[in-house]
């Protein structure tokens, strides 16, 4: 027997709902596109392009690292 989905009142989310606002995803997506363009333009050869794509996915780690090194 299949369970019925729980009804949620308008404007309220269930406790175990997977819905999110999604604003951070949009910012990360735009940052990813910008980082891809930046690293792609700075690359000279094939492996530089591959490395640039990989760096574009983890650019927030570079930002946090540089920020923490400047603060200490």
Protein backbone atom coordinates (compact mmCIF):
# COMPACT_ATOMS: atom_id res chain seq x y z
CA UNK A 1 0.00 0.00 0.00
CA UNK A 2 1.39 3.41 -0.98
CA UNK A 3 1.59 6.15 1.60
CA UNK A 4 -0.31 9.34 0.94
CA UNK A 5 1.77 12.50 0.54
CA UNK A 6 1.44 14.90 3.45
CA UNK A 7 -0.45 18.07 2.76
CA UNK A 8 1.34 21.29 3.62
CA UNK A 9 -0.39 24.59 4.14
CA UNK A 10 0.52 27.39 1.77
CA UNK A 11 3.60 29.24 2.94
CA UNK A 12 4.75 26.47 5.28
CA UNK A 13 7.20 23.69 4.56
CA UNK A 14 7.20 20.24 6.08
CA UNK A 15 10.04 19.43 8.48
CA UNK A 16 11.57 16.85 6.16
CA UNK A 17 10.98 18.82 2.96
CA UNK A 18 13.81 19.05 0.47
CA UNK A 19 12.75 22.47 -0.85
CA UNK A 20 15.27 25.30 -0.45
CA UNK A 21 15.45 28.93 -1.42
CA UNK A 22 18.21 28.31 -3.99
CA UNK A 23 19.77 31.77 -3.92
CA UNK A 24 23.21 30.41 -3.12
CA UNK A 25 23.01 27.97 -6.00
CA UNK A 26 22.49 30.83 -8.44
CA UNK A 27 25.44 32.76 -7.03
CA UNK A 28 27.66 29.68 -7.19
CA UNK A 29 26.52 28.99 -10.75
CA UNK A 30 27.35 32.51 -11.90
CA UNK A 31 30.68 32.30 -10.12
CA UNK A 32 31.37 28.98 -11.81
CA UNK A 33 30.69 30.45 -15.25
CA UNK A 34 32.85 33.47 -14.48
CA UNK A 35 35.68 31.29 -13.19
CA UNK A 36 35.47 29.06 -16.26
CA UNK A 37 35.81 32.09 -18.53
CA UNK A 38 38.65 33.52 -16.44
CA UNK A 39 40.70 30.33 -16.24
CA UNK A 40 39.97 29.41 -19.88
CA UNK A 41 41.30 32.75 -21.13
CA UNK A 42 44.40 32.47 -18.94
CA UNK A 43 45.26 28.94 -20.17
CA UNK A 44 47.88 28.36 -22.87
CA UNK A 45 47.78 24.63 -23.62
CA UNK A 46 45.50 21.63 -23.36
CA UNK A 47 46.44 20.69 -19.80
CA UNK A 48 46.17 24.30 -18.69
CA UNK A 49 42.58 24.28 -19.96
CA UNK A 50 41.84 21.02 -18.12
CA UNK A 51 43.38 22.41 -14.94
CA UNK A 52 41.38 25.64 -15.38
CA UNK A 53 38.10 23.73 -15.59
CA UNK A 54 38.96 21.79 -12.43
CA UNK A 55 39.93 25.00 -10.62
CA UNK A 56 36.65 26.63 -11.69
CA UNK A 57 34.68 24.01 -9.76
CA UNK A 58 36.57 24.63 -6.51
CA UNK A 59 37.06 28.40 -6.74
CA UNK A 60 35.33 29.07 -3.38
CA UNK A 61 38.08 27.09 -1.64
CA UNK A 62 40.70 29.37 -3.22
CA UNK A 63 38.77 32.46 -2.12
CA UNK A 64 38.43 31.27 1.48
CA UNK A 65 42.10 30.24 1.63
CA UNK A 66 43.29 33.62 0.34
CA UNK A 67 40.93 35.44 2.68
CA UNK A 68 42.18 33.50 5.70
CA UNK A 69 45.84 34.02 4.77
CA UNK A 70 45.27 37.76 4.52
CA UNK A 71 43.42 37.90 7.84
CA UNK A 72 46.08 36.07 9.81
